[in-house]
């Protein structure tokens, strides 16, 4: 096999410039630690953006990949396969869902959900019931439909005309929803905790009100749990920690523990509108992805892991509070489980990426949620000592940035 000598400069030479990666290039990971080309070691609080829920190279996920790779990689959906059927069985056993559609990513899962919502309304009412309500600052993926439903206009710039029939309302504002929803609404789409929008949780009263309004207007409630799902909040899915059940739920990111896979979960009643030929995916539900996902879900859906997420949230908050006592850098720390957002004080608004770069130099991999919020989405099983070591690195980074 031909070997290439690549550096960070290679990115600028050969890659489309839609990303701006950090200076170092990770080459190996184990648990919540990563090593770069130079051999430097990092604590990983990023988790591949809430993907590496069991850390890097978890032995049982590695074993699942190896075992399946010797059996069957791909068939397409002209044929069923055992890992996909087993994973679908598992997901329907442990959730509200009765039917599952597999794809490769969160964007694809949301695309399927939005299409299904419109198709269901078309089948049961007619073409006039097609309007989708979403919320400002939401994020639902990067396809044209997904960025349109998402509530961040910057992601639609330059791509007009975008699909119509989508309205955006303030998050956690039930009165605004009461005023906007109608019998033309086919779906209300929301994240139980807005991730990219700044790690903002839905208030319980708001969630209940949304469910009631959807029922009153025969609209479907779609939960985007791409980031909150599979243990991230301390429940297997975030809706399980509420008294609200959606009609459609989307899942990806942590679902495969690092292997690309996505899923849309729904009820039999709603699923009927996706009849033969109505939607599809060449790679969706491939044996490799589903074998790994089945192992990941089984490992995460254990009381010890989910309860550990709650404990680790408390440790993160304690350590962030210690940093804040010294530097007064955080306006608020919010989120659920191991989806944590630390909003910077106004003086440092717009400068979140400065802290990312400084953290990397101190041996910590971190994220932002917009320009004002430092976001942490580590492995759900990150050891407490790694949390403390990572927080020490963050404190060093903060000290250098604010100096």
Protein backbone atom coordinates (compact mmCIF):
# COMPACT_ATOMS: atom_id res chain seq x y z
CA UNK A 1 0.00 0.00 0.00
CA UNK A 2 1.30 3.44 -0.90
CA UNK A 3 2.24 5.51 2.14
CA UNK A 4 1.85 9.28 2.24
CA UNK A 5 3.66 11.74 4.50
CA UNK A 6 0.88 14.04 5.71
CA UNK A 7 0.86 17.01 8.05
CA UNK A 8 -1.64 19.69 9.05
CA UNK A 9 -0.39 21.67 6.02
CA UNK A 10 -1.64 18.83 3.79
CA UNK A 11 -5.19 19.74 4.82
CA UNK A 12 -4.86 23.21 3.31
CA UNK A 13 -3.41 21.73 0.12
CA UNK A 14 -5.94 19.00 -0.64
CA UNK A 15 -9.09 19.42 1.46
CA UNK A 16 -12.13 21.55 0.75
CA UNK A 17 -11.81 24.46 3.24
CA UNK A 18 -15.13 23.97 5.06
CA UNK A 19 -13.31 22.91 8.25
CA UNK A 20 -10.57 24.57 10.29
CA UNK A 21 -9.02 21.70 12.29
CA UNK A 22 -6.59 22.18 15.15
CA UNK A 23 -2.85 22.22 14.49
CA UNK A 24 -2.17 18.70 15.78
CA UNK A 25 -3.26 15.48 14.08
CA UNK A 26 -4.39 12.66 16.42
CA UNK A 27 -3.21 9.23 15.31
CA UNK A 28 -4.13 6.90 18.19
CA UNK A 29 -6.66 6.75 20.98
CA UNK A 30 -7.37 4.57 23.99
CA UNK A 31 -10.19 5.25 26.41
CA UNK A 32 -10.32 9.01 27.00
CA UNK A 33 -6.75 9.64 25.91
CA UNK A 34 -5.41 10.47 22.46
CA UNK A 35 -1.89 10.77 21.01
CA UNK A 36 -0.87 12.93 18.05
CA UNK A 37 1.79 12.55 15.35
CA UNK A 38 4.42 13.97 17.68
CA UNK A 39 3.55 11.58 20.49
CA UNK A 40 1.93 14.28 22.62
CA UNK A 41 -0.89 13.05 24.87
CA UNK A 42 -4.34 14.62 25.30
CA UNK A 43 -7.37 14.15 27.53
CA UNK A 44 -10.46 13.94 25.30
CA UNK A 45 -13.43 16.00 26.48
CA UNK A 46 -14.75 16.26 22.89
CA UNK A 47 -15.61 12.62 22.30
CA UNK A 48 -15.82 13.14 18.55
CA UNK A 49 -18.73 15.55 19.24
CA UNK A 50 -20.69 13.17 21.50
CA UNK A 51 -19.88 10.14 19.33
CA UNK A 52 -17.19 8.18 21.20
CA UNK A 53 -19.53 7.30 24.05
CA UNK A 54 -17.32 4.44 25.21
CA UNK A 55 -14.05 6.17 24.49
CA UNK A 56 -11.53 5.24 21.84
CA UNK A 57 -11.01 1.63 20.80
CA UNK A 58 -13.23 0.05 23.43
CA UNK A 59 -12.19 -3.64 23.42
CA UNK A 60 -15.72 -4.97 22.93
CA UNK A 61 -16.44 -2.59 20.05
CA UNK A 62 -13.12 -3.53 18.45
CA UNK A 63 -14.07 -7.18 18.84
CA UNK A 64 -17.48 -6.57 17.24
CA UNK A 65 -15.82 -4.88 14.25
CA UNK A 66 -13.29 -7.66 13.83
CA UNK A 67 -15.83 -10.47 14.11
CA UNK A 68 -18.28 -8.88 11.67
CA UNK A 69 -15.53 -7.92 9.22
CA UNK A 70 -14.81 -11.61 8.74
CA UNK A 71 -18.46 -12.35 7.96
CA UNK A 72 -20.28 -9.75 5.88
CA UNK A 73 -19.76 -6.03 5.20
CA UNK A 74 -22.49 -4.86 2.86
CA UNK A 75 -25.56 -6.11 1.04
CA UNK A 76 -27.84 -3.10 0.41
CA UNK A 77 -31.47 -3.22 1.43
CA UNK A 78 -32.39 -5.58 -1.38
CA UNK A 79 -31.66 -8.13 1.36
CA UNK A 80 -32.13 -8.12 5.12
CA UNK A 81 -29.20 -8.92 7.40
CA UNK A 82 -28.99 -10.36 10.90
CA UNK A 83 -27.16 -7.51 12.69
CA UNK A 84 -29.66 -4.92 11.43
CA UNK A 85 -32.63 -7.02 12.49
CA UNK A 86 -31.08 -7.69 15.90
CA UNK A 87 -30.35 -3.99 16.43
CA UNK A 88 -33.89 -3.04 15.41
CA UNK A 89 -35.26 -5.62 17.85
CA UNK A 90 -33.08 -4.17 20.61
CA UNK A 91 -34.13 -0.56 19.93
CA UNK A 92 -37.82 -1.41 19.87
CA UNK A 93 -37.51 -3.39 23.11
CA UNK A 94 -35.88 -0.53 25.03
CA UNK A 95 -37.78 2.47 23.63
CA UNK A 96 -41.29 3.63 22.72
CA UNK A 97 -40.66 2.70 19.10
CA UNK A 98 -42.17 -0.17 17.18
CA UNK A 99 -40.41 0.40 13.85
CA UNK A 100 -36.88 1.45 12.85
CA UNK A 101 -35.27 2.92 9.73
CA UNK A 102 -31.46 2.75 9.50
CA UNK A 103 -29.16 5.22 7.78
CA UNK A 104 -25.61 6.53 8.19
CA UNK A 105 -25.78 9.81 10.09
CA UNK A 106 -27.85 12.20 12.14
CA UNK A 107 -28.55 14.36 9.12
CA UNK A 108 -29.94 11.36 7.25
CA UNK A 109 -32.02 10.29 10.24
CA UNK A 110 -33.53 13.78 10.45
CA UNK A 111 -34.11 13.94 6.70
CA UNK A 112 -36.05 10.69 6.98
CA UNK A 113 -38.01 12.00 9.99
CA UNK A 114 -39.01 15.23 8.25
CA UNK A 115 -40.02 13.41 5.08
CA UNK A 116 -42.02 10.86 7.07
CA UNK A 117 -43.84 13.59 9.00
CA UNK A 118 -44.96 15.25 5.78
CA UNK A 119 -45.84 11.94 4.14
CA UNK A 120 -47.92 10.88 7.16
CA UNK A 121 -49.85 14.16 7.08
CA UNK A 122 -50.31 13.88 3.30
CA UNK A 123 -51.63 10.33 3.60
CA UNK A 124 -54.02 11.08 6.46
CA UNK A 125 -55.15 14.66 5.76
CA UNK A 126 -53.82 16.03 2.50
CA UNK A 127 -51.14 18.29 0.97
CA UNK A 128 -52.30 21.35 2.91
CA UNK A 129 -51.03 19.83 6.18
CA UNK A 130 -47.32 20.22 5.47
CA UNK A 131 -45.99 22.95 7.77
CA UNK A 132 -43.12 22.17 10.14
CA UNK A 133 -42.41 24.17 13.30
CA UNK A 134 -38.88 24.23 14.66
CA UNK A 135 -37.00 26.45 17.09
CA UNK A 136 -34.39 29.18 16.85
CA UNK A 137 -30.80 28.11 17.57
CA UNK A 138 -31.67 24.47 16.84
CA UNK A 139 -29.43 22.26 14.72
CA UNK A 140 -30.65 19.26 12.74
CA UNK A 141 -27.91 18.53 10.22
CA UNK A 142 -26.43 19.80 6.97
CA UNK A 143 -28.66 18.60 4.14
CA UNK A 144 -30.72 21.38 2.54
CA UNK A 145 -33.90 20.22 4.29
CA UNK A 146 -32.07 19.77 7.61
CA UNK A 147 -30.46 23.24 7.62
CA UNK A 148 -33.85 24.72 6.70
CA UNK A 149 -35.54 23.06 9.66
CA UNK A 150 -32.57 24.01 11.83
CA UNK A 151 -32.91 27.39 13.49
CA UNK A 152 -29.55 28.95 12.58
CA UNK A 153 -29.85 31.12 9.45
CA UNK A 154 -26.08 31.20 8.90
CA UNK A 155 -26.20 27.59 7.72
CA UNK A 156 -28.69 28.51 4.96
CA UNK A 157 -26.72 31.47 3.60
CA UNK A 158 -25.88 31.02 -0.05
CA UNK A 159 -28.14 28.01 -0.57
CA UNK A 160 -31.44 29.67 -1.47
CA UNK A 161 -34.06 28.82 -2.42
CA UNK A 162 -34.52 26.50 0.54
CA UNK A 163 -37.57 24.28 1.13
CA UNK A 164 -40.65 26.17 2.25
CA UNK A 165 -43.23 25.55 4.94
CA UNK A 166 -40.86 25.82 7.92
CA UNK A 167 -41.41 28.22 10.84
CA UNK A 168 -38.93 28.96 13.63
CA UNK A 169 -40.06 29.98 17.12
CA UNK A 170 -38.23 30.84 20.36
CA UNK A 171 -37.21 27.75 22.34
CA UNK A 172 -38.97 27.27 25.67
CA UNK A 173 -41.68 29.79 24.67
CA UNK A 174 -44.97 27.91 24.86
CA UNK A 175 -47.10 30.98 24.13
CA UNK A 176 -45.30 31.51 20.83
CA UNK A 177 -46.06 27.92 19.86
CA UNK A 178 -49.72 28.28 20.85
CA UNK A 179 -49.98 31.28 18.54
CA UNK A 180 -48.24 29.60 15.59
CA UNK A 181 -49.42 25.99 15.55
CA UNK A 182 -52.47 25.17 13.44
CA UNK A 183 -54.22 22.32 11.69
CA UNK A 184 -51.77 22.87 8.82
CA UNK A 185 -48.88 21.88 11.09
CA UNK A 186 -47.66 18.37 10.33
CA UNK A 187 -44.83 18.29 12.89
CA UNK A 188 -43.04 20.10 15.68
CA UNK A 189 -39.32 19.30 15.65
CA UNK A 190 -37.09 19.84 18.67
CA UNK A 191 -33.98 18.80 20.55
CA UNK A 192 -34.66 17.92 24.23
CA UNK A 193 -31.39 19.74 24.89
CA UNK A 194 -30.18 22.12 22.19
CA UNK A 195 -26.58 21.16 21.50
CA UNK A 196 -25.07 23.40 18.83
CA UNK A 197 -27.40 26.15 20.02
CA UNK A 198 -25.57 26.52 23.32
CA UNK A 199 -26.48 23.44 25.43
CA UNK A 200 -29.93 24.65 26.51
CA UNK A 201 -32.40 22.17 28.04
CA UNK A 202 -36.13 22.21 27.40
CA UNK A 203 -38.15 23.15 30.47
CA UNK A 204 -40.50 20.35 31.66
CA UNK A 205 -43.59 22.57 31.31
CA UNK A 206 -42.56 23.47 27.78
CA UNK A 207 -42.14 19.82 26.80
CA UNK A 208 -45.53 18.91 28.20
CA UNK A 209 -47.14 21.87 26.46
CA UNK A 210 -45.59 20.96 23.12
CA UNK A 211 -46.90 17.41 23.41
CA UNK A 212 -50.41 18.64 24.26
CA UNK A 213 -50.47 21.13 21.37
CA UNK A 214 -49.29 18.47 18.94
CA UNK A 215 -52.10 16.20 20.10
CA UNK A 216 -54.68 18.97 19.77
CA UNK A 217 -53.65 19.74 16.20
CA UNK A 218 -52.89 16.16 15.08
CA UNK A 219 -49.24 17.08 14.53
CA UNK A 220 -46.35 14.69 15.10
CA UNK A 221 -43.76 15.45 17.76
CA UNK A 222 -40.24 14.77 16.47
CA UNK A 223 -37.38 14.56 18.96
CA UNK A 224 -33.93 15.03 17.49
CA UNK A 225 -31.87 12.93 19.90
CA UNK A 226 -28.82 12.68 17.68
CA UNK A 227 -26.69 14.34 20.36
CA UNK A 228 -28.72 13.60 23.52
CA UNK A 229 -29.38 9.95 22.74
CA UNK A 230 -27.68 6.72 23.82
CA UNK A 231 -26.81 7.66 27.37
CA UNK A 232 -25.57 11.20 26.95
CA UNK A 233 -27.98 12.76 29.47
CA UNK A 234 -27.95 9.91 31.98
CA UNK A 235 -31.02 8.27 30.44
CA UNK A 236 -30.71 6.00 27.43
CA UNK A 237 -32.69 8.63 25.51
CA UNK A 238 -33.39 12.04 26.97
CA UNK A 239 -37.17 11.67 26.59
CA UNK A 240 -37.00 8.85 29.14
CA UNK A 241 -36.08 11.39 31.81
CA UNK A 242 -39.29 13.33 31.09
CA UNK A 243 -42.98 12.51 31.03
CA UNK A 244 -43.19 13.18 27.28
CA UNK A 245 -42.95 10.58 24.52
CA UNK A 246 -42.36 11.65 20.90
CA UNK A 247 -43.91 10.15 17.78
CA UNK A 248 -40.59 10.05 15.94
CA UNK A 249 -37.08 10.02 17.39
CA UNK A 250 -33.76 10.32 15.57
CA UNK A 251 -30.54 8.77 16.81
CA UNK A 252 -26.94 8.71 15.57
CA UNK A 253 -23.60 9.92 17.00
CA UNK A 254 -23.13 7.65 20.07
CA UNK A 255 -25.33 4.94 18.54
CA UNK A 256 -22.31 3.32 16.89
CA UNK A 257 -19.74 4.33 19.48
CA UNK A 258 -17.62 5.83 16.68
CA UNK A 259 -18.79 3.74 13.73
CA UNK A 260 -21.10 5.72 11.39
CA UNK A 261 -24.73 4.73 11.85
CA UNK A 262 -28.05 6.52 12.26
CA UNK A 263 -31.60 5.49 12.99
CA UNK A 264 -35.10 6.88 12.91
CA UNK A 265 -37.47 5.34 15.46
CA UNK A 266 -41.24 5.61 15.28
CA UNK A 267 -44.57 3.86 15.87
CA UNK A 268 -46.31 1.37 13.60
CA UNK A 269 -49.07 3.90 12.97
CA UNK A 270 -46.69 6.53 11.63
CA UNK A 271 -44.31 4.09 9.92
CA UNK A 272 -47.08 2.93 7.56
CA UNK A 273 -46.56 6.08 5.49
CA UNK A 274 -43.10 4.90 4.52
CA UNK A 275 -44.37 2.16 2.24
CA UNK A 276 -42.27 0.24 -0.26
CA UNK A 277 -40.08 2.58 -2.34
CA UNK A 278 -40.97 5.74 -0.41
CA UNK A 279 -37.49 6.24 1.09
CA UNK A 280 -34.17 4.41 1.14
CA UNK A 281 -30.46 4.24 1.80
CA UNK A 282 -27.78 2.17 0.08
CA UNK A 283 -25.54 1.84 3.12
CA UNK A 284 -28.20 2.25 5.80
CA UNK A 285 -28.44 -0.78 8.09
CA UNK A 286 -25.27 -2.39 6.79
CA UNK A 287 -24.05 -5.37 8.84
CA UNK A 288 -20.81 -3.72 10.00
CA UNK A 289 -22.48 -0.62 11.46
CA UNK A 290 -25.33 -2.54 13.06
CA UNK A 291 -23.09 -5.15 14.67
CA UNK A 292 -21.05 -2.43 16.34
CA UNK A 293 -24.13 -0.40 17.30
CA UNK A 294 -25.79 -3.40 18.93
CA UNK A 295 -22.73 -3.89 21.11
CA UNK A 296 -22.51 -0.17 21.93
CA UNK A 297 -26.17 0.13 22.93
CA UNK A 298 -25.95 -3.02 25.05
CA UNK A 299 -22.89 -1.74 26.89
CA UNK A 300 -24.31 1.75 27.48
CA UNK A 301 -27.80 0.66 28.52
CA UNK A 302 -26.58 -0.55 31.90
CA UNK A 303 -27.48 1.07 35.24
CA UNK A 304 -23.83 1.43 36.25
CA UNK A 305 -23.01 3.40 33.07
CA UNK A 306 -26.11 5.61 33.11
CA UNK A 307 -25.82 6.32 36.85
CA UNK A 308 -22.13 7.05 36.33
CA UNK A 309 -23.04 9.77 33.81
CA UNK A 310 -25.00 11.60 36.53
CA UNK A 311 -22.06 11.34 38.97
CA UNK A 312 -19.59 12.55 36.36
CA UNK A 313 -21.80 15.55 35.60
CA UNK A 314 -21.49 16.58 39.25
CA UNK A 315 -17.70 16.23 39.09
CA UNK A 316 -17.51 18.37 35.95
CA UNK A 317 -19.64 21.06 37.57
CA UNK A 318 -17.53 21.02 40.76
CA UNK A 319 -14.30 21.39 38.81
CA UNK A 320 -15.71 24.13 36.56
CA UNK A 321 -16.88 26.01 39.66
CA UNK A 322 -13.33 25.88 41.06
CA UNK A 323 -11.98 27.41 37.84
CA UNK A 324 -14.68 30.05 37.92
CA UNK A 325 -13.89 31.02 41.50
CA UNK A 326 -10.38 31.92 40.37
CA UNK A 327 -11.04 33.53 37.00
CA UNK A 328 -14.73 34.51 36.84
CA UNK A 329 -14.81 33.36 33.23
CA UNK A 330 -18.13 31.48 33.13
CA UNK A 331 -21.53 33.15 33.17
CA UNK A 332 -23.39 29.84 33.51
CA UNK A 333 -22.77 26.09 33.41
CA UNK A 334 -25.70 24.11 32.01
CA UNK A 335 -26.73 20.90 30.30
CA UNK A 336 -27.58 17.36 31.35
CA UNK A 337 -25.38 14.36 32.01
CA UNK A 338 -22.23 14.56 29.92
CA UNK A 339 -23.56 17.17 27.54
CA UNK A 340 -22.16 20.20 29.35
CA UNK A 341 -21.98 23.81 28.25
CA UNK A 342 -20.03 26.54 30.05
CA UNK A 343 -21.11 29.94 28.74
CA UNK A 344 -18.38 32.57 28.78
CA UNK A 345 -19.03 35.94 30.40
CA UNK A 346 -19.94 38.75 27.99
CA UNK A 347 -16.39 40.08 27.92
CA UNK A 348 -15.29 36.88 26.21
CA UNK A 349 -18.29 36.36 23.94
CA UNK A 350 -17.26 35.45 20.41
CA UNK A 351 -13.91 34.08 21.57
CA UNK A 352 -14.71 30.48 22.38
CA UNK A 353 -12.23 29.13 19.84
CA UNK A 354 -9.37 30.91 21.61
CA UNK A 355 -10.00 28.64 24.59
CA UNK A 356 -10.11 25.58 22.31
CA UNK A 357 -6.70 26.36 20.85
CA UNK A 358 -5.23 27.13 24.27
CA UNK A 359 -6.67 23.92 25.70
CA UNK A 360 -5.13 21.86 22.90
CA UNK A 361 -1.71 23.30 23.75
CA UNK A 362 -2.26 22.19 27.35
CA UNK A 363 -3.22 18.64 26.35
CA UNK A 364 -7.02 18.88 26.31
CA UNK A 365 -9.46 18.29 23.46
CA UNK A 366 -12.52 20.51 23.85
CA UNK A 367 -15.51 21.78 21.81
CA UNK A 368 -17.59 24.92 21.47
CA UNK A 369 -21.36 25.30 21.02
CA UNK A 370 -21.46 28.55 19.10
CA UNK A 371 -18.86 31.27 19.76
CA UNK A 372 -19.76 31.81 23.43
CA UNK A 373 -20.04 28.35 25.00
CA UNK A 374 -17.36 25.78 25.79
CA UNK A 375 -18.89 22.36 25.24
CA UNK A 376 -17.84 19.05 26.79
CA UNK A 377 -19.13 15.72 25.49
CA UNK A 378 -16.61 13.14 26.72
CA UNK A 379 -16.86 9.39 26.91
CA UNK A 380 -19.67 8.27 29.19
CA UNK A 381 -17.17 6.07 31.02
CA UNK A 382 -14.35 8.60 31.30
CA UNK A 383 -12.44 7.88 34.54
CA UNK A 384 -12.76 10.50 37.28
CA UNK A 385 -9.00 10.97 37.31
CA UNK A 386 -9.11 11.88 33.60
CA UNK A 387 -11.81 14.46 34.34
CA UNK A 388 -9.65 16.05 37.03
CA UNK A 389 -6.54 15.98 34.83
CA UNK A 390 -8.48 17.49 31.93
CA UNK A 391 -9.86 20.21 34.18
CA UNK A 392 -6.34 21.05 35.36
CA UNK A 393 -5.39 21.48 31.70
CA UNK A 394 -8.46 23.68 31.14
CA UNK A 395 -7.47 25.85 34.10
CA UNK A 396 -3.99 26.31 32.63
CA UNK A 397 -5.54 27.25 29.29
CA UNK A 398 -7.94 29.74 30.88
CA UNK A 399 -5.08 31.33 32.81
CA UNK A 400 -3.11 31.88 29.59
CA UNK A 401 -6.07 33.24 27.62
CA UNK A 402 -7.18 35.74 30.24
CA UNK A 403 -3.65 36.79 31.22
